Amino acid sequence: MTFPSTLIIGDNYQTLLESLGHSQLQNPDLIIIDNDYSIEAVRKIENFLHKLSYNHKNKVVLIKNAQNLDLIHQNTLLKNIEEPGENNYFILTTNNLSKILPTIISRCHLIIQKQNIVSVLQNLPVPTDIKSALQISSTIEKNSIKETLQNELNSLQQNLVKNPTPKLSQKIGILLKSLEFIDSNLDPRLALDYYLLNQI
């Protein structure tokens, strides 16, 4: 595993956990956060990271539904997620990317599960400047950009039928242009950047 911290859009974390040599049963080298998102849970994670592993080569912090962490606690965890320490790994899952700090998103390897790909762009934070637009762009895997944009287009077109607005029509036009760039063999990352930069 290349990235020490991974954010999964979806809830299927089992394969990744197993690839690190871990199971959830009686595992002292795995801490799971799934119902307590308080400051005590954050401190528990920090203490866990400073301990030696018992019977694994690494330790794993699994945070299910990470969007349930409030922004203050997410910010507290940011440094650990960015630099969890040698042989420490973070796995976060979420079904609502808009509730995750952009700084956390940018520091994680993003895994978009197929059933969630339609809503990825809709749930990403709206870029407010060039830096944030490019930061958001970097969170999407290059080989899934065209599919992500196409699914976004389908969703926006459905919304346009229900609630037509000039702003939505303009957004669809920019999206079509981005897909046209990809079909003309432009780097998909640049096409995505074009779309996001035009949302500012």
N, C-alpha and C. Protein backbone atom coordinates (compact mmCIF):
# COMPACT_ATOMS: atom_id res chain seq x y z
N MET A 1 0.85 -1.20 0.00
CA MET A 1 0.00 0.00 0.00
C MET A 1 0.88 1.24 0.00
N THR A 2 0.71 2.13 -0.97
CA THR A 2 1.56 3.29 -1.12
C THR A 2 1.18 4.41 -0.16
N PHE A 3 -0.11 4.62 0.02
CA PHE A 3 -0.57 5.76 0.81
C PHE A 3 -0.86 5.34 2.25
N PRO A 4 -0.35 6.08 3.23
CA PRO A 4 -0.62 5.74 4.63
C PRO A 4 -2.05 6.05 5.05
N SER A 5 -2.73 6.92 4.28
CA SER A 5 -4.11 7.27 4.62
C SER A 5 -4.98 7.15 3.38
N THR A 6 -6.11 6.45 3.53
CA THR A 6 -7.02 6.20 2.41
C THR A 6 -8.43 6.60 2.80
N LEU A 7 -9.11 7.30 1.91
CA LEU A 7 -10.50 7.68 2.11
C LEU A 7 -11.36 6.94 1.10
N ILE A 8 -12.27 6.11 1.58
CA ILE A 8 -13.14 5.32 0.72
C ILE A 8 -14.51 5.98 0.65
N ILE A 9 -14.96 6.30 -0.56
CA ILE A 9 -16.32 6.80 -0.74
C ILE A 9 -17.21 5.58 -0.91
N GLY A 10 -17.84 5.19 0.16
CA GLY A 10 -18.58 3.93 0.22
C GLY A 10 -18.30 3.30 1.57
N ASP A 11 -18.60 2.02 1.71
CA ASP A 11 -18.39 1.39 3.02
C ASP A 11 -17.68 0.04 2.93
N ASN A 12 -17.16 -0.30 1.75
CA ASN A 12 -16.47 -1.58 1.60
C ASN A 12 -14.97 -1.41 1.84
N TYR A 13 -14.58 -1.55 3.09
CA TYR A 13 -13.18 -1.37 3.48
C TYR A 13 -12.46 -2.70 3.70
N GLN A 14 -13.21 -3.81 3.65
CA GLN A 14 -12.67 -5.11 4.05
C GLN A 14 -11.46 -5.54 3.22
N THR A 15 -11.53 -5.35 1.89
CA THR A 15 -10.42 -5.77 1.03
C THR A 15 -9.14 -5.02 1.38
N LEU A 16 -9.27 -3.73 1.60
CA LEU A 16 -8.10 -2.91 1.95
C LEU A 16 -7.53 -3.34 3.30
N LEU A 17 -8.42 -3.61 4.24
CA LEU A 17 -7.98 -4.04 5.56
C LEU A 17 -7.22 -5.36 5.48
N GLU A 18 -7.75 -6.29 4.69
CA GLU A 18 -7.10 -7.59 4.54
C GLU A 18 -5.76 -7.47 3.83
N SER A 19 -5.65 -6.51 2.89
CA SER A 19 -4.38 -6.33 2.17
C SER A 19 -3.27 -5.86 3.12
N LEU A 20 -3.67 -5.28 4.24
CA LEU A 20 -2.70 -4.86 5.26
C LEU A 20 -2.45 -5.96 6.29
N GLY A 21 -3.09 -7.13 6.07
CA GLY A 21 -2.87 -8.27 6.96
C GLY A 21 -3.69 -8.25 8.22
N HIS A 22 -4.83 -7.55 8.19
CA HIS A 22 -5.64 -7.41 9.40
C HIS A 22 -7.04 -8.00 9.24
N SER A 23 -7.57 -8.48 10.35
CA SER A 23 -8.98 -8.83 10.44
C SER A 23 -9.56 -8.04 11.60
N GLN A 24 -10.88 -8.04 11.73
CA GLN A 24 -11.51 -7.25 12.78
C GLN A 24 -11.66 -8.01 14.09
N LEU A 25 -11.36 -9.31 14.09
CA LEU A 25 -11.60 -10.13 15.26
C LEU A 25 -10.41 -10.12 16.21
N GLN A 26 -10.66 -9.70 17.45
CA GLN A 26 -9.65 -9.72 18.51
C GLN A 26 -8.29 -9.23 18.01
N ASN A 27 -8.29 -8.03 17.52
CA ASN A 27 -7.09 -7.47 16.90
C ASN A 27 -6.62 -6.24 17.69
N PRO A 28 -5.56 -6.38 18.48
CA PRO A 28 -5.08 -5.25 19.28
C PRO A 28 -4.37 -4.18 18.45
N ASP A 29 -4.07 -4.50 17.18
CA ASP A 29 -3.37 -3.55 16.31
C ASP A 29 -4.32 -2.81 15.38
N LEU A 30 -5.61 -2.94 15.66
CA LEU A 30 -6.64 -2.25 14.88
C LEU A 30 -7.57 -1.52 15.84
N ILE A 31 -7.79 -0.24 15.57
CA ILE A 31 -8.77 0.52 16.34
C ILE A 31 -9.87 0.95 15.38
N ILE A 32 -11.12 0.73 15.80
CA ILE A 32 -12.27 1.05 14.95
C ILE A 32 -13.11 2.13 15.62
N ILE A 33 -13.34 3.20 14.89
CA ILE A 33 -14.22 4.28 15.35
C ILE A 33 -15.50 4.20 14.52
N ASP A 34 -16.62 3.84 15.17
CA ASP A 34 -17.85 3.71 14.38
C ASP A 34 -19.11 4.19 15.09
N ASN A 35 -18.98 4.61 16.34
CA ASN A 35 -20.17 5.17 17.01
C ASN A 35 -19.84 6.30 17.98
N ASP A 36 -18.58 6.38 18.38
CA ASP A 36 -18.15 7.47 19.27
C ASP A 36 -17.21 8.38 18.49
N TYR A 37 -17.67 9.60 18.21
CA TYR A 37 -16.87 10.55 17.43
C TYR A 37 -16.47 11.76 18.27
N SER A 38 -16.37 11.54 19.57
CA SER A 38 -16.07 12.62 20.50
C SER A 38 -14.57 12.91 20.55
N ILE A 39 -14.20 13.92 21.32
CA ILE A 39 -12.79 14.26 21.50
C ILE A 39 -12.06 13.11 22.20
N GLU A 40 -12.79 12.34 23.03
CA GLU A 40 -12.17 11.18 23.69
C GLU A 40 -11.74 10.15 22.65
N ALA A 41 -12.55 9.97 21.61
CA ALA A 41 -12.20 9.03 20.54
C ALA A 41 -10.96 9.50 19.79
N VAL A 42 -10.86 10.81 19.57
CA VAL A 42 -9.69 11.38 18.90
C VAL A 42 -8.44 11.15 19.74
N ARG A 43 -8.54 11.36 21.04
CA ARG A 43 -7.39 11.13 21.93
C ARG A 43 -7.01 9.65 21.97
N LYS A 44 -8.03 8.80 21.90
CA LYS A 44 -7.80 7.35 21.89
C LYS A 44 -6.98 6.97 20.65
N ILE A 45 -7.29 7.59 19.52
CA ILE A 45 -6.54 7.34 18.28
C ILE A 45 -5.10 7.78 18.44
N GLU A 46 -4.90 8.98 18.98
CA GLU A 46 -3.55 9.51 19.14
C GLU A 46 -2.71 8.63 20.06
N ASN A 47 -3.30 8.14 21.14
CA ASN A 47 -2.59 7.24 22.05
C ASN A 47 -2.25 5.92 21.36
N PHE A 48 -3.20 5.42 20.58
CA PHE A 48 -3.01 4.16 19.85
C PHE A 48 -1.83 4.25 18.89
N LEU A 49 -1.70 5.38 18.20
CA LEU A 49 -0.63 5.55 17.21
C LEU A 49 0.75 5.55 17.85
N HIS A 50 0.84 5.91 19.11
CA HIS A 50 2.14 5.98 19.79
C HIS A 50 2.56 4.65 20.42
N LYS A 51 1.67 3.67 20.40
CA LYS A 51 1.99 2.37 20.98
C LYS A 51 2.69 1.48 19.95
N LEU A 52 3.43 0.49 20.43
CA LEU A 52 4.04 -0.50 19.55
C LEU A 52 2.98 -1.52 19.13
N SER A 53 3.14 -2.08 17.93
CA SER A 53 2.21 -3.11 17.48
C SER A 53 2.47 -4.41 18.25
N TYR A 54 1.41 -5.23 18.37
CA TYR A 54 1.53 -6.48 19.12
C TYR A 54 1.97 -7.64 18.22
N ASN A 55 1.15 -7.97 17.24
CA ASN A 55 1.46 -9.14 16.41
C ASN A 55 1.25 -8.90 14.92
N HIS A 56 1.33 -7.64 14.50
CA HIS A 56 1.26 -7.28 13.08
C HIS A 56 2.45 -6.39 12.75
N LYS A 57 2.73 -6.28 11.46
CA LYS A 57 3.81 -5.39 11.01
C LYS A 57 3.39 -3.93 11.07
N ASN A 58 2.08 -3.70 11.16
CA ASN A 58 1.57 -2.34 11.16
C ASN A 58 0.35 -2.23 12.05
N LYS A 59 -0.09 -1.00 12.27
CA LYS A 59 -1.31 -0.73 13.00
C LYS A 59 -2.26 0.05 12.09
N VAL A 60 -3.56 -0.16 12.29
CA VAL A 60 -4.55 0.48 11.42
C VAL A 60 -5.61 1.19 12.25
N VAL A 61 -5.91 2.42 11.85
CA VAL A 61 -7.04 3.17 12.41
C VAL A 61 -8.14 3.16 11.36
N LEU A 62 -9.28 2.56 11.70
CA LEU A 62 -10.43 2.51 10.79
C LEU A 62 -11.52 3.43 11.33
N ILE A 63 -11.84 4.47 10.59
CA ILE A 63 -12.90 5.41 10.99
C ILE A 63 -14.06 5.25 10.01
N LYS A 64 -15.13 4.61 10.48
CA LYS A 64 -16.31 4.44 9.64
C LYS A 64 -17.15 5.71 9.68
N ASN A 65 -17.73 6.04 8.52
CA ASN A 65 -18.59 7.23 8.44
C ASN A 65 -17.89 8.46 9.03
N ALA A 66 -16.73 8.74 8.46
CA ALA A 66 -15.88 9.82 8.99
C ALA A 66 -16.57 11.18 8.97
N GLN A 67 -17.63 11.31 8.17
CA GLN A 67 -18.35 12.59 8.12
C GLN A 67 -19.01 12.90 9.46
N ASN A 68 -19.12 11.90 10.34
CA ASN A 68 -19.72 12.13 11.66
C ASN A 68 -18.77 12.83 12.63
N LEU A 69 -17.49 12.89 12.27
CA LEU A 69 -16.55 13.69 13.06
C LEU A 69 -16.81 15.16 12.78
N ASP A 70 -17.00 15.96 13.81
CA ASP A 70 -17.21 17.39 13.52
C ASP A 70 -15.91 18.01 13.02
N LEU A 71 -16.01 19.19 12.45
CA LEU A 71 -14.87 19.80 11.78
C LEU A 71 -13.70 20.07 12.73
N ILE A 72 -14.00 20.38 13.98
CA ILE A 72 -12.93 20.62 14.96
C ILE A 72 -12.13 19.35 15.19
N HIS A 73 -12.83 18.22 15.34
CA HIS A 73 -12.15 16.95 15.57
C HIS A 73 -11.43 16.47 14.32
N GLN A 74 -12.00 16.73 13.15
CA GLN A 74 -11.30 16.41 11.90
C GLN A 74 -9.99 17.19 11.82
N ASN A 75 -10.06 18.44 12.19
CA ASN A 75 -8.87 19.29 12.15
C ASN A 75 -7.81 18.80 13.14
N THR A 76 -8.26 18.31 14.29
CA THR A 76 -7.34 17.77 15.29
C THR A 76 -6.61 16.54 14.74
N LEU A 77 -7.33 15.73 13.97
CA LEU A 77 -6.76 14.50 13.41
C LEU A 77 -5.91 14.73 12.17
N LEU A 78 -6.00 15.92 11.60
CA LEU A 78 -5.37 16.19 10.31
C LEU A 78 -3.88 15.84 10.29
N LYS A 79 -3.15 16.25 11.30
CA LYS A 79 -1.70 15.99 11.34
C LYS A 79 -1.41 14.50 11.37
N ASN A 80 -2.22 13.74 12.14
CA ASN A 80 -2.03 12.30 12.21
C ASN A 80 -2.35 11.63 10.88
N ILE A 81 -3.38 12.12 10.20
CA ILE A 81 -3.74 11.55 8.90
C ILE A 81 -2.66 11.83 7.87
N GLU A 82 -2.09 13.03 7.96
CA GLU A 82 -1.04 13.42 7.03
C GLU A 82 0.25 12.64 7.29
N GLU A 83 0.58 12.48 8.57
CA GLU A 83 1.81 11.77 8.96
C GLU A 83 1.49 10.82 10.12
N PRO A 84 0.90 9.67 9.82
CA PRO A 84 0.48 8.75 10.89
C PRO A 84 1.63 8.05 11.60
N GLY A 85 2.83 8.19 11.06
CA GLY A 85 3.97 7.51 11.66
C GLY A 85 4.29 6.22 10.92
N GLU A 86 5.48 5.72 11.14
CA GLU A 86 5.93 4.53 10.42
C GLU A 86 5.04 3.32 10.73
N ASN A 87 4.60 2.65 9.66
CA ASN A 87 3.78 1.43 9.77
C ASN A 87 2.43 1.67 10.44
N ASN A 88 1.94 2.89 10.37
CA ASN A 88 0.58 3.21 10.81
C ASN A 88 -0.24 3.61 9.60
N TYR A 89 -1.50 3.14 9.56
CA TYR A 89 -2.36 3.44 8.41
C TYR A 89 -3.74 3.91 8.88
N PHE A 90 -4.28 4.86 8.13
CA PHE A 90 -5.65 5.31 8.35
C PHE A 90 -6.53 4.82 7.20
N ILE A 91 -7.69 4.27 7.53
CA ILE A 91 -8.73 3.99 6.54
C ILE A 91 -9.98 4.73 7.00
N LEU A 92 -10.47 5.64 6.18
CA LEU A 92 -11.69 6.37 6.49
C LEU A 92 -12.74 6.02 5.45
N THR A 93 -13.99 5.89 5.88
CA THR A 93 -15.07 5.69 4.93
C THR A 93 -16.08 6.82 5.07
N THR A 94 -16.74 7.14 3.98
CA THR A 94 -17.79 8.17 4.02
C THR A 94 -18.74 8.00 2.86
N ASN A 95 -19.98 8.40 3.06
CA ASN A 95 -20.95 8.48 1.97
C ASN A 95 -21.37 9.93 1.75
N ASN A 96 -20.66 10.85 2.40
CA ASN A 96 -20.97 12.27 2.24
C ASN A 96 -19.67 13.05 2.25
N LEU A 97 -19.05 13.15 1.08
CA LEU A 97 -17.73 13.77 0.97
C LEU A 97 -17.76 15.25 1.32
N SER A 98 -18.91 15.89 1.18
CA SER A 98 -19.00 17.32 1.46
C SER A 98 -18.80 17.63 2.94
N LYS A 99 -18.93 16.62 3.80
CA LYS A 99 -18.75 16.82 5.25
C LYS A 99 -17.31 16.54 5.69
N ILE A 100 -16.43 16.21 4.73
CA ILE A 100 -15.03 15.95 5.05
C ILE A 100 -14.20 17.17 4.68
N LEU A 101 -13.30 17.58 5.57
CA LEU A 101 -12.45 18.74 5.29
C LEU A 101 -11.67 18.54 3.99
N PRO A 102 -11.63 19.55 3.12
CA PRO A 102 -10.83 19.44 1.88
C PRO A 102 -9.37 19.11 2.15
N THR A 103 -8.85 19.59 3.28
CA THR A 103 -7.44 19.30 3.61
C THR A 103 -7.24 17.82 3.92
N ILE A 104 -8.24 17.17 4.49
CA ILE A 104 -8.16 15.73 4.72
C ILE A 104 -8.27 14.98 3.40
N ILE A 105 -9.20 15.41 2.55
CA ILE A 105 -9.37 14.76 1.24
C ILE A 105 -8.07 14.80 0.46
N SER A 106 -7.41 15.95 0.48
CA SER A 106 -6.19 16.12 -0.32
C SER A 106 -5.02 15.30 0.21
N ARG A 107 -5.09 14.87 1.47
CA ARG A 107 -3.99 14.11 2.05
C ARG A 107 -4.24 12.61 2.04
N CYS A 108 -5.37 12.20 1.47
CA CYS A 108 -5.71 10.78 1.41
C CYS A 108 -5.72 10.27 -0.02
N HIS A 109 -5.43 8.98 -0.15
CA HIS A 109 -5.67 8.30 -1.41
C HIS A 109 -7.17 8.04 -1.48
N LEU A 110 -7.80 8.46 -2.58
CA LEU A 110 -9.25 8.37 -2.69
C LEU A 110 -9.65 7.12 -3.46
N ILE A 111 -10.54 6.32 -2.88
CA ILE A 111 -11.11 5.16 -3.56
C ILE A 111 -12.59 5.41 -3.74
N ILE A 112 -13.03 5.51 -5.00
CA ILE A 112 -14.44 5.75 -5.29
C ILE A 112 -15.07 4.44 -5.70
N GLN A 113 -15.97 3.92 -4.87
CA GLN A 113 -16.63 2.67 -5.21
C GLN A 113 -17.72 2.93 -6.24
N LYS A 114 -17.90 1.97 -7.15
CA LYS A 114 -18.75 2.16 -8.32
C LYS A 114 -20.14 2.70 -7.99
N GLN A 115 -20.75 2.17 -6.93
CA GLN A 115 -22.11 2.58 -6.63
C GLN A 115 -22.20 4.03 -6.16
N ASN A 116 -21.04 4.64 -5.87
CA ASN A 116 -21.04 6.02 -5.37
C ASN A 116 -20.50 7.03 -6.37
N ILE A 117 -20.10 6.57 -7.55
CA ILE A 117 -19.39 7.45 -8.46
C ILE A 117 -20.27 8.60 -8.97
N VAL A 118 -21.60 8.39 -9.05
CA VAL A 118 -22.49 9.43 -9.56
C VAL A 118 -22.46 10.67 -8.68
N SER A 119 -22.40 10.46 -7.39
CA SER A 119 -22.54 11.60 -6.47
C SER A 119 -21.22 12.23 -6.06
N VAL A 120 -20.10 11.74 -6.58
CA VAL A 120 -18.80 12.22 -6.12
C VAL A 120 -18.64 13.71 -6.35
N LEU A 121 -18.85 14.19 -7.57
CA LEU A 121 -18.65 15.61 -7.85
C LEU A 121 -19.67 16.47 -7.12
N GLN A 122 -20.89 15.97 -6.97
CA GLN A 122 -21.92 16.74 -6.28
C GLN A 122 -21.57 16.92 -4.81
N ASN A 123 -20.91 15.93 -4.22
CA ASN A 123 -20.59 15.99 -2.80
C ASN A 123 -19.26 16.66 -2.48
N LEU A 124 -18.44 16.89 -3.52
CA LEU A 124 -17.17 17.57 -3.28
C LEU A 124 -17.43 19.02 -2.90
N PRO A 125 -16.60 19.59 -2.05
CA PRO A 125 -16.76 21.01 -1.71
C PRO A 125 -16.68 21.88 -2.97
N VAL A 126 -17.48 22.93 -3.03
CA VAL A 126 -17.43 23.84 -4.17
C VAL A 126 -16.14 24.65 -4.10
N PRO A 127 -15.33 24.62 -5.17
CA PRO A 127 -14.07 25.37 -5.13
C PRO A 127 -14.30 26.86 -5.00
N THR A 128 -13.49 27.52 -4.19
CA THR A 128 -13.63 28.97 -3.98
C THR A 128 -12.49 29.75 -4.61
N ASP A 129 -11.40 29.07 -4.94
CA ASP A 129 -10.28 29.72 -5.60
C ASP A 129 -9.52 28.68 -6.42
N ILE A 130 -8.51 29.13 -7.15
CA ILE A 130 -7.77 28.22 -8.03
C ILE A 130 -7.12 27.09 -7.24
N LYS A 131 -6.55 27.43 -6.09
CA LYS A 131 -5.86 26.42 -5.28
C LYS A 131 -6.82 25.31 -4.85
N SER A 132 -8.01 25.69 -4.37
CA SER A 132 -8.95 24.67 -3.90
C SER A 132 -9.49 23.85 -5.06
N ALA A 133 -9.66 24.47 -6.24
CA ALA A 133 -10.13 23.73 -7.42
C ALA A 133 -9.14 22.65 -7.81
N LEU A 134 -7.86 23.00 -7.85
CA LEU A 134 -6.82 22.04 -8.22
C LEU A 134 -6.65 20.98 -7.13
N GLN A 135 -6.87 21.37 -5.90
CA GLN A 135 -6.78 20.43 -4.78
C GLN A 135 -7.88 19.38 -4.89
N ILE A 136 -9.10 19.82 -5.20
CA ILE A 136 -10.22 18.91 -5.38
C ILE A 136 -9.96 17.98 -6.56
N SER A 137 -9.45 18.54 -7.65
CA SER A 137 -9.16 17.74 -8.84
C SER A 137 -8.21 16.60 -8.53
N SER A 138 -7.22 16.86 -7.69
CA SER A 138 -6.19 15.86 -7.40
C SER A 138 -6.72 14.68 -6.60
N THR A 139 -7.94 14.80 -6.02
CA THR A 139 -8.48 13.71 -5.21
C THR A 139 -9.15 12.63 -6.06
N ILE A 140 -9.37 12.89 -7.35
CA ILE A 140 -10.08 11.93 -8.21
C ILE A 140 -9.08 11.18 -9.07
N GLU A 141 -9.17 9.85 -9.05
CA GLU A 141 -8.26 9.02 -9.83
C GLU A 141 -8.38 9.36 -11.31
N LYS A 142 -7.23 9.46 -11.97
CA LYS A 142 -7.20 9.88 -13.37
C LYS A 142 -8.02 8.96 -14.27
N ASN A 143 -7.93 7.64 -14.02
CA ASN A 143 -8.63 6.70 -14.90
C ASN A 143 -10.14 6.65 -14.67
N SER A 144 -10.64 7.39 -13.67
CA SER A 144 -12.08 7.43 -13.44
C SER A 144 -12.68 8.80 -13.75
N ILE A 145 -11.86 9.72 -14.24
CA ILE A 145 -12.33 11.10 -14.47
C ILE A 145 -13.44 11.16 -15.51
N LYS A 146 -13.25 10.50 -16.65
CA LYS A 146 -14.27 10.58 -17.71
C LYS A 146 -15.59 10.01 -17.23
N GLU A 147 -15.54 8.86 -16.56
CA GLU A 147 -16.76 8.25 -16.06
C GLU A 147 -17.43 9.13 -15.01
N THR A 148 -16.62 9.75 -14.17
CA THR A 148 -17.15 10.65 -13.14
C THR A 148 -17.85 11.85 -13.78
N LEU A 149 -17.21 12.45 -14.79
CA LEU A 149 -17.80 13.60 -15.48
C LEU A 149 -19.07 13.19 -16.22
N GLN A 150 -19.06 12.01 -16.84
CA GLN A 150 -20.23 11.55 -17.58
C GLN A 150 -21.42 11.33 -16.63
N ASN A 151 -21.14 10.73 -15.49
CA ASN A 151 -22.21 10.52 -14.51
C ASN A 151 -22.72 11.83 -13.93
N GLU A 152 -21.81 12.77 -13.77
CA GLU A 152 -22.21 14.11 -13.31
C GLU A 152 -23.11 14.77 -14.35
N LEU A 153 -22.77 14.60 -15.63
CA LEU A 153 -23.59 15.16 -16.71
C LEU A 153 -24.99 14.56 -16.69
N ASN A 154 -25.08 13.24 -16.55
CA ASN A 154 -26.39 12.58 -16.51
C ASN A 154 -27.24 13.11 -15.36
N SER A 155 -26.60 13.30 -14.20
CA SER A 155 -27.32 13.79 -13.03
C SER A 155 -27.80 15.23 -13.24
N LEU A 156 -26.93 16.08 -13.80
CA LEU A 156 -27.30 17.48 -14.03
C LEU A 156 -28.41 17.60 -15.07
N GLN A 157 -28.37 16.75 -16.08
CA GLN A 157 -29.41 16.78 -17.11
C GLN A 157 -30.76 16.39 -16.53
N GLN A 158 -30.77 15.43 -15.61
CA GLN A 158 -32.01 15.06 -14.93
C GLN A 158 -32.53 16.23 -14.09
N ASN A 159 -31.61 16.91 -13.41
CA ASN A 159 -32.00 18.07 -12.60
C ASN A 159 -32.54 19.20 -13.47
N LEU A 160 -31.97 19.33 -14.67
CA LEU A 160 -32.40 20.39 -15.58
C LEU A 160 -33.84 20.19 -16.03
N VAL A 161 -34.21 18.93 -16.23
CA VAL A 161 -35.59 18.62 -16.63
C VAL A 161 -36.56 19.00 -15.50
N LYS A 162 -36.16 18.70 -14.26
CA LYS A 162 -37.03 18.97 -13.11
C LYS A 162 -37.07 20.46 -12.75
N ASN A 163 -35.90 21.11 -12.86
CA ASN A 163 -35.81 22.50 -12.43
C ASN A 163 -34.85 23.28 -13.33
N PRO A 164 -35.30 23.66 -14.52
CA PRO A 164 -34.40 24.35 -15.47
C PRO A 164 -34.02 25.74 -14.99
N THR A 165 -32.71 26.01 -14.98
CA THR A 165 -32.20 27.33 -14.62
C THR A 165 -31.04 27.67 -15.55
N PRO A 166 -30.81 28.96 -15.82
CA PRO A 166 -29.67 29.36 -16.66
C PRO A 166 -28.33 28.88 -16.10
N LYS A 167 -28.18 28.92 -14.78
CA LYS A 167 -26.93 28.51 -14.15
C LYS A 167 -26.65 27.03 -14.40
N LEU A 168 -27.70 26.21 -14.30
CA LEU A 168 -27.55 24.78 -14.52
C LEU A 168 -27.22 24.49 -15.98
N SER A 169 -27.86 25.22 -16.88
CA SER A 169 -27.58 25.05 -18.31
C SER A 169 -26.13 25.41 -18.63
N GLN A 170 -25.64 26.47 -18.00
CA GLN A 170 -24.25 26.89 -18.20
C GLN A 170 -23.28 25.83 -17.68
N LYS A 171 -23.61 25.26 -16.53
CA LYS A 171 -22.77 24.23 -15.93
C LYS A 171 -22.70 23.00 -16.83
N ILE A 172 -23.83 22.63 -17.42
CA ILE A 172 -23.87 21.48 -18.33
C ILE A 172 -23.03 21.76 -19.57
N GLY A 173 -23.09 23.00 -20.05
CA GLY A 173 -22.30 23.38 -21.22
C GLY A 173 -20.80 23.23 -20.96
N ILE A 174 -20.37 23.66 -19.78
CA ILE A 174 -18.95 23.53 -19.39
C ILE A 174 -18.56 22.06 -19.27
N LEU A 175 -19.47 21.28 -18.73
CA LEU A 175 -19.22 19.84 -18.56
C LEU A 175 -19.10 19.15 -19.91
N LEU A 176 -19.97 19.50 -20.84
CA LEU A 176 -19.90 18.94 -22.20
C LEU A 176 -18.58 19.30 -22.87
N LYS A 177 -18.13 20.52 -22.65
CA LYS A 177 -16.85 20.96 -23.22
C LYS A 177 -15.70 20.16 -22.62
N SER A 178 -15.77 19.88 -21.33
CA SER A 178 -14.73 19.09 -20.66
C SER A 178 -14.66 17.68 -21.24
N LEU A 179 -15.83 17.07 -21.47
CA LEU A 179 -15.87 15.73 -22.05
C LEU A 179 -15.38 15.75 -23.49
N GLU A 180 -15.67 16.83 -24.19
CA GLU A 180 -15.19 17.00 -25.57
C GLU A 180 -13.66 17.06 -25.59
N PHE A 181 -13.08 17.74 -24.61
CA PHE A 181 -11.62 17.81 -24.50
C PHE A 181 -11.02 16.41 -24.35
N ILE A 182 -11.64 15.59 -23.49
CA ILE A 182 -11.14 14.23 -23.27
C ILE A 182 -11.24 13.40 -24.54
N ASP A 183 -12.37 13.54 -25.25
CA ASP A 183 -12.55 12.80 -26.51
C ASP A 183 -11.56 13.26 -27.57
N SER A 184 -11.02 14.47 -27.40
CA SER A 184 -10.01 14.98 -28.34
C SER A 184 -8.59 14.66 -27.87
N ASN A 185 -8.52 13.72 -26.90
CA ASN A 185 -7.24 13.22 -26.38
C ASN A 185 -6.49 14.22 -25.49
N LEU A 186 -7.23 15.19 -24.93
CA LEU A 186 -6.61 16.04 -23.92
C LEU A 186 -6.47 15.24 -22.62
N ASP A 187 -5.44 15.53 -21.86
CA ASP A 187 -5.25 14.87 -20.57
C ASP A 187 -6.53 15.03 -19.73
N PRO A 188 -7.15 13.92 -19.28
CA PRO A 188 -8.38 14.00 -18.49
C PRO A 188 -8.27 14.91 -17.27
N ARG A 189 -7.08 14.94 -16.67
CA ARG A 189 -6.88 15.79 -15.49
C ARG A 189 -7.06 17.26 -15.85
N LEU A 190 -6.56 17.66 -17.02
CA LEU A 190 -6.71 19.05 -17.46
C LEU A 190 -8.17 19.36 -17.77
N ALA A 191 -8.89 18.38 -18.31
CA ALA A 191 -10.31 18.57 -18.60
C ALA A 191 -11.10 18.76 -17.31
N LEU A 192 -10.76 17.97 -16.30
CA LEU A 192 -11.42 18.11 -15.00
C LEU A 192 -11.08 19.45 -14.36
N ASP A 193 -9.82 19.85 -14.48
CA ASP A 193 -9.40 21.17 -13.96
C ASP A 193 -10.22 22.28 -14.62
N TYR A 194 -10.42 22.16 -15.93
CA TYR A 194 -11.21 23.16 -16.68
C TYR A 194 -12.62 23.27 -16.10
N TYR A 195 -13.23 22.11 -15.86
CA TYR A 195 -14.59 22.10 -15.32
C TYR A 195 -14.64 22.73 -13.92
N LEU A 196 -13.73 22.33 -13.06
CA LEU A 196 -13.74 22.83 -11.68
C LEU A 196 -13.38 24.31 -11.59
N LEU A 197 -12.41 24.74 -12.41
CA LEU A 197 -12.01 26.16 -12.39
C LEU A 197 -13.15 27.06 -12.84
N ASN A 198 -14.03 26.52 -13.68
CA ASN A 198 -15.17 27.31 -14.14
C ASN A 198 -16.33 27.32 -13.15
N GLN A 199 -16.15 26.63 -12.01
CA GLN A 199 -17.16 26.68 -10.95
C GLN A 199 -16.88 27.80 -9.95
N ILE A 200 -15.68 28.41 -10.07
CA ILE A 200 -15.29 29.46 -9.12
C ILE A 200 -16.09 30.74 -9.37
